[in-house]
């Protein structure tokens, strides 16, 4: 994996940002969206839906359909931690993949802080879900990265590191 600069990113119209829960993917995607003038789509908005004020995970088929719709546009920045089969189309369609790298302690602190201080996070999650996010963040390197490497090789997409603060 190599580092990529903001200057390098200007040539891409379809950017996929990956990383563990709490690594800063959404924050980076939001900032890059403004700088590069590209629409930002959170993978969570594709994977999850709200029904009667309850957050529900979409099936793989529904997630895949929702993702196809998002990918049909000319440009985008999509961020997510999902590594399921339905996300493979992101690898096929993106111009560049960026890995958001942060250390585990920072991720756990950010996940906990987000849960404690953001009222909307409390409304959509439970303590059980908070724990699942922490566990997923810990396991990310061992589970998701294996699948990301397979996708990277299959679609000949290098994974770049972006650790610069914007």
Protein backbone atom coordinates (compact mmCIF):
# COMPACT_ATOMS: atom_id res chain seq x y z
CA UNK A 1 0.00 0.00 0.00
CA UNK A 2 1.26 3.45 -0.93
CA UNK A 3 0.31 6.88 0.33
CA UNK A 4 -1.78 9.13 -1.91
CA UNK A 5 -1.97 12.92 -1.82
CA UNK A 6 -4.86 15.30 -2.34
CA UNK A 7 -3.21 16.36 -5.59
CA UNK A 8 -3.27 12.73 -6.83
CA UNK A 9 -6.95 12.36 -5.93
CA UNK A 10 -8.07 15.22 -8.19
CA UNK A 11 -7.94 12.98 -11.27
CA UNK A 12 -10.49 10.48 -9.88
CA UNK A 13 -14.28 10.82 -10.16
CA UNK A 14 -15.17 7.62 -8.29
CA UNK A 15 -13.44 7.16 -4.94
CA UNK A 16 -14.03 4.31 -2.48
CA UNK A 17 -12.81 4.92 1.08
CA UNK A 18 -12.43 1.83 3.28
CA UNK A 19 -11.42 1.37 6.88
CA UNK A 20 -12.50 0.01 10.22
CA UNK A 21 -15.41 1.39 12.20
CA UNK A 22 -14.24 4.61 13.86
CA UNK A 23 -11.25 5.17 11.54
CA UNK A 24 -12.51 8.49 10.16
CA UNK A 25 -13.78 7.28 6.76
CA UNK A 26 -16.95 9.37 6.79
CA UNK A 27 -15.15 12.48 8.03
CA UNK A 28 -12.53 12.11 5.29
CA UNK A 29 -15.18 11.41 2.63
CA UNK A 30 -17.20 14.44 3.66
CA UNK A 31 -14.17 16.74 3.52
CA UNK A 32 -12.94 15.32 0.21
CA UNK A 33 -16.45 15.69 -1.19
CA UNK A 34 -16.30 19.45 -0.58
CA UNK A 35 -12.72 19.86 -1.77
CA UNK A 36 -13.10 17.74 -4.93
CA UNK A 37 -16.73 18.72 -5.58
CA UNK A 38 -17.90 15.09 -5.70
CA UNK A 39 -21.11 13.78 -4.11
CA UNK A 40 -20.61 11.78 -0.90
CA UNK A 41 -22.63 8.61 -0.30
CA UNK A 42 -22.29 6.80 3.02
CA UNK A 43 -22.27 3.04 2.61
CA UNK A 44 -24.29 2.91 5.85
CA UNK A 45 -27.15 4.68 4.05
CA UNK A 46 -27.11 1.84 1.52
CA UNK A 47 -26.84 -0.97 4.09
CA UNK A 48 -29.29 0.42 6.65
CA UNK A 49 -32.78 1.88 6.45
CA UNK A 50 -35.11 3.41 9.01
CA UNK A 51 -38.58 1.93 9.44
CA UNK A 52 -40.88 3.45 12.07
CA UNK A 53 -37.91 5.16 13.75
CA UNK A 54 -36.03 1.85 13.97
CA UNK A 55 -32.74 1.27 12.18
CA UNK A 56 -32.88 -1.99 10.21
CA UNK A 57 -30.18 -3.70 8.17
CA UNK A 58 -31.16 -4.29 4.56
CA UNK A 59 -30.76 -7.73 3.06
CA UNK A 60 -27.76 -8.34 0.82
CA UNK A 61 -30.05 -8.27 -2.22
CA UNK A 62 -31.64 -4.95 -1.23
CA UNK A 63 -28.22 -3.49 -0.35
CA UNK A 64 -26.90 -4.58 -3.74
CA UNK A 65 -29.85 -2.94 -5.54
CA UNK A 66 -29.43 0.28 -3.56
CA UNK A 67 -25.70 0.29 -4.28
CA UNK A 68 -26.22 -0.24 -8.04
CA UNK A 69 -28.41 2.86 -8.07
CA UNK A 70 -25.74 4.89 -6.27
CA UNK A 71 -23.00 3.65 -8.60
CA UNK A 72 -24.95 4.59 -11.72
CA UNK A 73 -24.03 8.26 -11.29
CA UNK A 74 -21.01 9.83 -13.03
CA UNK A 75 -19.07 10.62 -9.87
CA UNK A 76 -19.07 9.77 -6.19
CA UNK A 77 -17.15 9.23 -2.99
CA UNK A 78 -18.43 6.24 -1.04
CA UNK A 79 -17.10 5.25 2.36
CA UNK A 80 -17.68 2.05 4.25
CA UNK A 81 -16.32 -0.78 6.34
CA UNK A 82 -18.42 -3.51 4.78
CA UNK A 83 -16.60 -6.32 3.05
CA UNK A 84 -19.56 -8.49 2.09
CA UNK A 85 -19.96 -9.90 -1.40
CA UNK A 86 -22.53 -7.23 -2.31
CA UNK A 87 -19.82 -4.54 -1.98
CA UNK A 88 -17.68 -6.14 -4.69
CA UNK A 89 -19.30 -3.89 -7.31
CA UNK A 90 -17.68 -0.90 -5.57
CA UNK A 91 -14.27 -2.35 -6.37
CA UNK A 92 -15.25 -2.92 -10.00
CA UNK A 93 -16.61 0.62 -10.52
CA UNK A 94 -14.30 2.83 -8.48
CA UNK A 95 -11.29 4.64 -9.87
CA UNK A 96 -9.29 4.48 -6.67
CA UNK A 97 -9.49 2.80 -3.25
CA UNK A 98 -8.29 4.67 -0.18
CA UNK A 99 -7.62 2.92 3.12
CA UNK A 100 -8.21 5.12 6.13
CA UNK A 101 -5.66 3.95 8.66
CA UNK A 102 -5.82 4.76 12.35
CA UNK A 103 -4.66 2.84 15.37
CA UNK A 104 -7.02 0.63 17.35
CA UNK A 105 -7.08 2.72 20.53
CA UNK A 106 -8.07 5.86 18.59
CA UNK A 107 -10.84 3.93 16.85
CA UNK A 108 -12.26 2.56 20.09
CA UNK A 109 -12.16 6.02 21.69
CA UNK A 110 -13.88 7.57 18.66
CA UNK A 111 -16.61 4.88 18.53
CA UNK A 112 -17.32 5.37 22.24
CA UNK A 113 -17.23 9.17 22.02
CA UNK A 114 -19.59 9.13 19.04
CA UNK A 115 -22.03 6.95 20.95
CA UNK A 116 -21.88 8.96 24.19
CA UNK A 117 -22.01 12.49 22.75
CA UNK A 118 -24.12 12.24 19.61
CA UNK A 119 -27.80 12.05 20.43
CA UNK A 120 -28.68 10.67 16.99
CA UNK A 121 -26.22 7.80 17.51
CA UNK A 122 -27.93 6.88 20.78
CA UNK A 123 -31.29 6.87 19.01
CA UNK A 124 -30.17 4.50 16.27
CA UNK A 125 -27.97 2.21 18.34
CA UNK A 126 -27.94 0.25 21.55
CA UNK A 127 -25.10 -0.56 23.92
CA UNK A 128 -25.09 -4.01 22.31
CA UNK A 129 -24.57 -2.39 18.89
CA UNK A 130 -21.83 -0.15 20.34
CA UNK A 131 -20.06 -3.29 21.54
CA UNK A 132 -20.47 -4.92 18.10
CA UNK A 133 -18.84 -1.84 16.49
CA UNK A 134 -15.88 -2.08 18.85
CA UNK A 135 -15.48 -5.83 18.21
CA UNK A 136 -15.79 -5.29 14.42
CA UNK A 137 -13.15 -2.56 14.59
CA UNK A 138 -10.80 -4.95 16.38
CA UNK A 139 -11.47 -7.81 13.90
CA UNK A 140 -11.36 -5.56 10.82
CA UNK A 141 -7.70 -6.21 10.05
CA UNK A 142 -8.19 -9.96 10.11
CA UNK A 143 -11.56 -10.29 8.38
CA UNK A 144 -12.24 -7.37 6.04
CA UNK A 145 -8.68 -6.79 4.91
CA UNK A 146 -8.47 -10.36 3.58
CA UNK A 147 -11.50 -9.78 1.36
CA UNK A 148 -10.25 -6.32 0.36
CA UNK A 149 -6.98 -7.88 -0.81
CA UNK A 150 -8.89 -10.40 -2.94
CA UNK A 151 -11.01 -7.62 -4.51
CA UNK A 152 -7.92 -5.46 -5.01
CA UNK A 153 -6.17 -8.20 -6.96
CA UNK A 154 -9.27 -9.27 -8.90
CA UNK A 155 -9.98 -5.73 -10.16
CA UNK A 156 -6.35 -4.59 -10.28
CA UNK A 157 -7.04 -1.71 -7.87
CA UNK A 158 -4.21 -0.61 -5.64
CA UNK A 159 -5.13 0.36 -2.09
CA UNK A 160 -3.74 3.75 -1.12
CA UNK A 161 -3.27 5.06 2.40
CA UNK A 162 -4.54 8.53 3.27
CA UNK A 163 -3.50 9.65 6.74
CA UNK A 164 -3.19 13.39 6.18
CA UNK A 165 -5.47 15.60 8.26
CA UNK A 166 -7.56 17.94 6.12
